[in-house]
Structure formats: structure tokens, C-alpha cells
Amino acid sequence: MAYNAAKAASNKKSDSKYGQILIKPYKAERDQIRAAAAAAGQSLQGYILQAVRERMEREREKDR
């Protein structure tokens, strides 16, 4: 499929909904995180976001 102006516009609109956060783990830790995500059957992004959301929820409950 050729990449055209319509696709570029669609990608730009979709990307505008998201923010970016750069994380830089040590290489050994990066490999462990990737392996854990794969073992859980999740994408790397999904695995990390789930972990962050779970921690935020625990901290909210602790503050109540």
C-alpha cells in the first residue's frame, strides 16, 4: 500500500491524541521487561502502561 497524503493526515490526527514519555532502562533490565511482556502475551507498551496504571490505582487507594 502506498503511503499517501490521506494516510499521512490520518496518522497525524490519530497521533495528536497521544503523548510520549521516554524511558531509558539499563539494557539488562530492558531485556527483562521485554521478556516479561512477551510471557504475558502483551505488547511492550501495553505491559508498561498496565503496570503504571496498577501502581497509580494502588497509590490512590492508599491515599483515601
N, C-alpha and C. Protein backbone atom coordinates (compact mmCIF):
# COMPACT_ATOMS: atom_id res chain seq x y z
N MET A 1 0.85 -1.18 0.00
CA MET A 1 0.00 0.00 0.00
C MET A 1 0.89 1.24 0.00
N ALA A 2 0.64 2.12 -0.89
CA ALA A 2 1.43 3.34 -1.00
C ALA A 2 1.05 4.30 0.14
N TYR A 3 2.04 4.98 0.63
CA TYR A 3 1.83 5.98 1.68
C TYR A 3 1.50 7.29 0.98
N ASN A 4 0.28 7.79 1.22
CA ASN A 4 -0.14 8.99 0.51
C ASN A 4 -0.53 10.09 1.49
N ALA A 5 -0.94 11.21 0.96
CA ALA A 5 -1.29 12.37 1.78
C ALA A 5 -2.46 12.07 2.71
N ALA A 6 -3.44 11.30 2.24
CA ALA A 6 -4.60 10.97 3.07
C ALA A 6 -4.17 10.14 4.28
N LYS A 7 -3.29 9.18 4.05
CA LYS A 7 -2.80 8.34 5.14
C LYS A 7 -1.98 9.18 6.11
N ALA A 8 -1.16 10.08 5.61
CA ALA A 8 -0.35 10.95 6.45
C ALA A 8 -1.25 11.82 7.34
N ALA A 9 -2.32 12.34 6.76
CA ALA A 9 -3.25 13.17 7.52
C ALA A 9 -3.96 12.34 8.59
N SER A 10 -4.34 11.13 8.24
CA SER A 10 -5.00 10.24 9.20
C SER A 10 -4.06 9.91 10.36
N ASN A 11 -2.80 9.60 10.05
CA ASN A 11 -1.82 9.31 11.10
C ASN A 11 -1.60 10.51 12.00
N LYS A 12 -1.51 11.69 11.42
CA LYS A 12 -1.28 12.91 12.21
C LYS A 12 -2.45 13.16 13.15
N LYS A 13 -3.67 12.96 12.67
CA LYS A 13 -4.85 13.16 13.51
C LYS A 13 -4.85 12.14 14.65
N SER A 14 -4.55 10.90 14.35
CA SER A 14 -4.52 9.86 15.37
C SER A 14 -3.41 10.13 16.39
N ASP A 15 -2.23 10.48 15.91
CA ASP A 15 -1.09 10.73 16.80
C ASP A 15 -1.32 11.92 17.72
N SER A 16 -2.18 12.85 17.34
CA SER A 16 -2.40 14.04 18.15
C SER A 16 -3.11 13.70 19.47
N LYS A 17 -3.69 12.50 19.56
CA LYS A 17 -4.39 12.09 20.78
C LYS A 17 -3.43 11.56 21.83
N TYR A 18 -2.18 11.30 21.46
CA TYR A 18 -1.24 10.63 22.34
C TYR A 18 -0.11 11.55 22.77
N GLY A 19 0.44 11.25 23.92
CA GLY A 19 1.66 11.90 24.38
C GLY A 19 2.77 10.89 24.38
N GLN A 20 3.97 11.35 24.57
CA GLN A 20 5.11 10.45 24.61
C GLN A 20 5.86 10.62 25.91
N ILE A 21 6.34 9.51 26.43
CA ILE A 21 7.20 9.50 27.61
C ILE A 21 8.37 8.60 27.26
N LEU A 22 9.56 9.12 27.39
CA LEU A 22 10.75 8.35 27.09
C LEU A 22 11.25 7.69 28.37
N ILE A 23 11.46 6.38 28.32
CA ILE A 23 12.06 5.69 29.45
C ILE A 23 13.36 5.06 28.95
N LYS A 24 14.36 5.03 29.82
CA LYS A 24 15.67 4.53 29.41
C LYS A 24 16.21 3.56 30.47
N PRO A 25 15.69 2.33 30.46
CA PRO A 25 16.21 1.35 31.42
C PRO A 25 17.59 0.86 30.97
N TYR A 26 18.35 0.33 31.92
CA TYR A 26 19.60 -0.32 31.54
C TYR A 26 19.28 -1.48 30.60
N LYS A 27 20.24 -1.84 29.76
CA LYS A 27 19.98 -2.86 28.73
C LYS A 27 19.50 -4.18 29.32
N ALA A 28 20.11 -4.62 30.41
CA ALA A 28 19.70 -5.90 31.01
C ALA A 28 18.26 -5.82 31.51
N GLU A 29 17.91 -4.70 32.11
CA GLU A 29 16.55 -4.52 32.61
C GLU A 29 15.57 -4.41 31.44
N ARG A 30 15.99 -3.75 30.38
CA ARG A 30 15.15 -3.64 29.18
C ARG A 30 14.81 -5.02 28.66
N ASP A 31 15.80 -5.89 28.61
CA ASP A 31 15.58 -7.24 28.11
C ASP A 31 14.63 -8.01 29.02
N GLN A 32 14.74 -7.79 30.32
CA GLN A 32 13.84 -8.47 31.27
C GLN A 32 12.40 -7.98 31.09
N ILE A 33 12.24 -6.68 30.88
CA ILE A 33 10.91 -6.12 30.68
C ILE A 33 10.30 -6.66 29.39
N ARG A 34 11.08 -6.70 28.32
CA ARG A 34 10.59 -7.23 27.05
C ARG A 34 10.17 -8.70 27.20
N ALA A 35 10.99 -9.47 27.91
CA ALA A 35 10.67 -10.89 28.11
C ALA A 35 9.41 -11.06 28.94
N ALA A 36 9.25 -10.24 29.97
CA ALA A 36 8.06 -10.32 30.82
C ALA A 36 6.80 -9.97 30.02
N ALA A 37 6.90 -8.95 29.16
CA ALA A 37 5.76 -8.56 28.32
C ALA A 37 5.40 -9.70 27.38
N ALA A 38 6.40 -10.30 26.77
CA ALA A 38 6.15 -11.41 25.84
C ALA A 38 5.53 -12.59 26.58
N ALA A 39 6.03 -12.90 27.77
CA ALA A 39 5.49 -14.02 28.55
C ALA A 39 4.04 -13.77 28.95
N ALA A 40 3.69 -12.49 29.15
CA ALA A 40 2.32 -12.13 29.50
C ALA A 40 1.43 -12.04 28.26
N GLY A 41 2.03 -12.18 27.08
CA GLY A 41 1.26 -12.08 25.84
C GLY A 41 0.82 -10.67 25.52
N GLN A 42 1.61 -9.69 25.97
CA GLN A 42 1.26 -8.29 25.76
C GLN A 42 2.35 -7.59 24.96
N SER A 43 1.97 -6.49 24.35
CA SER A 43 2.97 -5.64 23.72
C SER A 43 3.78 -4.97 24.83
N LEU A 44 4.94 -4.48 24.48
CA LEU A 44 5.78 -3.80 25.47
C LEU A 44 5.05 -2.58 26.03
N GLN A 45 4.46 -1.80 25.15
CA GLN A 45 3.73 -0.62 25.59
C GLN A 45 2.56 -0.99 26.49
N GLY A 46 1.80 -1.98 26.09
CA GLY A 46 0.66 -2.40 26.90
C GLY A 46 1.08 -2.89 28.27
N TYR A 47 2.17 -3.64 28.32
CA TYR A 47 2.68 -4.17 29.59
C TYR A 47 3.10 -3.04 30.53
N ILE A 48 3.86 -2.09 29.99
CA ILE A 48 4.33 -0.97 30.81
C ILE A 48 3.17 -0.10 31.27
N LEU A 49 2.25 0.21 30.37
CA LEU A 49 1.11 1.05 30.76
C LEU A 49 0.23 0.36 31.80
N GLN A 50 0.04 -0.94 31.68
CA GLN A 50 -0.74 -1.66 32.68
C GLN A 50 -0.06 -1.58 34.05
N ALA A 51 1.25 -1.76 34.08
CA ALA A 51 1.99 -1.69 35.34
C ALA A 51 1.86 -0.30 35.96
N VAL A 52 1.97 0.73 35.16
CA VAL A 52 1.87 2.11 35.66
C VAL A 52 0.46 2.37 36.18
N ARG A 53 -0.54 1.96 35.43
CA ARG A 53 -1.93 2.17 35.86
C ARG A 53 -2.23 1.45 37.17
N GLU A 54 -1.73 0.22 37.30
CA GLU A 54 -1.95 -0.53 38.54
C GLU A 54 -1.29 0.15 39.73
N ARG A 55 -0.09 0.67 39.54
CA ARG A 55 0.58 1.37 40.64
C ARG A 55 -0.16 2.65 41.00
N MET A 56 -0.60 3.40 39.99
CA MET A 56 -1.33 4.64 40.28
C MET A 56 -2.60 4.33 41.05
N GLU A 57 -3.30 3.25 40.70
CA GLU A 57 -4.52 2.87 41.40
C GLU A 57 -4.21 2.49 42.85
N ARG A 58 -3.15 1.71 43.08
CA ARG A 58 -2.76 1.35 44.45
C ARG A 58 -2.45 2.59 45.27
N GLU A 59 -1.76 3.55 44.68
CA GLU A 59 -1.41 4.76 45.41
C GLU A 59 -2.63 5.61 45.70
N ARG A 60 -3.59 5.64 44.76
CA ARG A 60 -4.85 6.37 45.01
C ARG A 60 -5.61 5.74 46.18
N GLU A 61 -5.67 4.40 46.19
CA GLU A 61 -6.37 3.70 47.27
C GLU A 61 -5.69 3.91 48.61
N LYS A 62 -4.37 3.97 48.60
CA LYS A 62 -3.61 4.19 49.83
C LYS A 62 -3.87 5.58 50.39
N ASP A 63 -4.08 6.56 49.53
CA ASP A 63 -4.29 7.95 49.95
C ASP A 63 -5.71 8.22 50.40
N ARG A 64 -6.61 7.28 50.21
CA ARG A 64 -8.01 7.50 50.58
C ARG A 64 -8.20 7.38 52.06
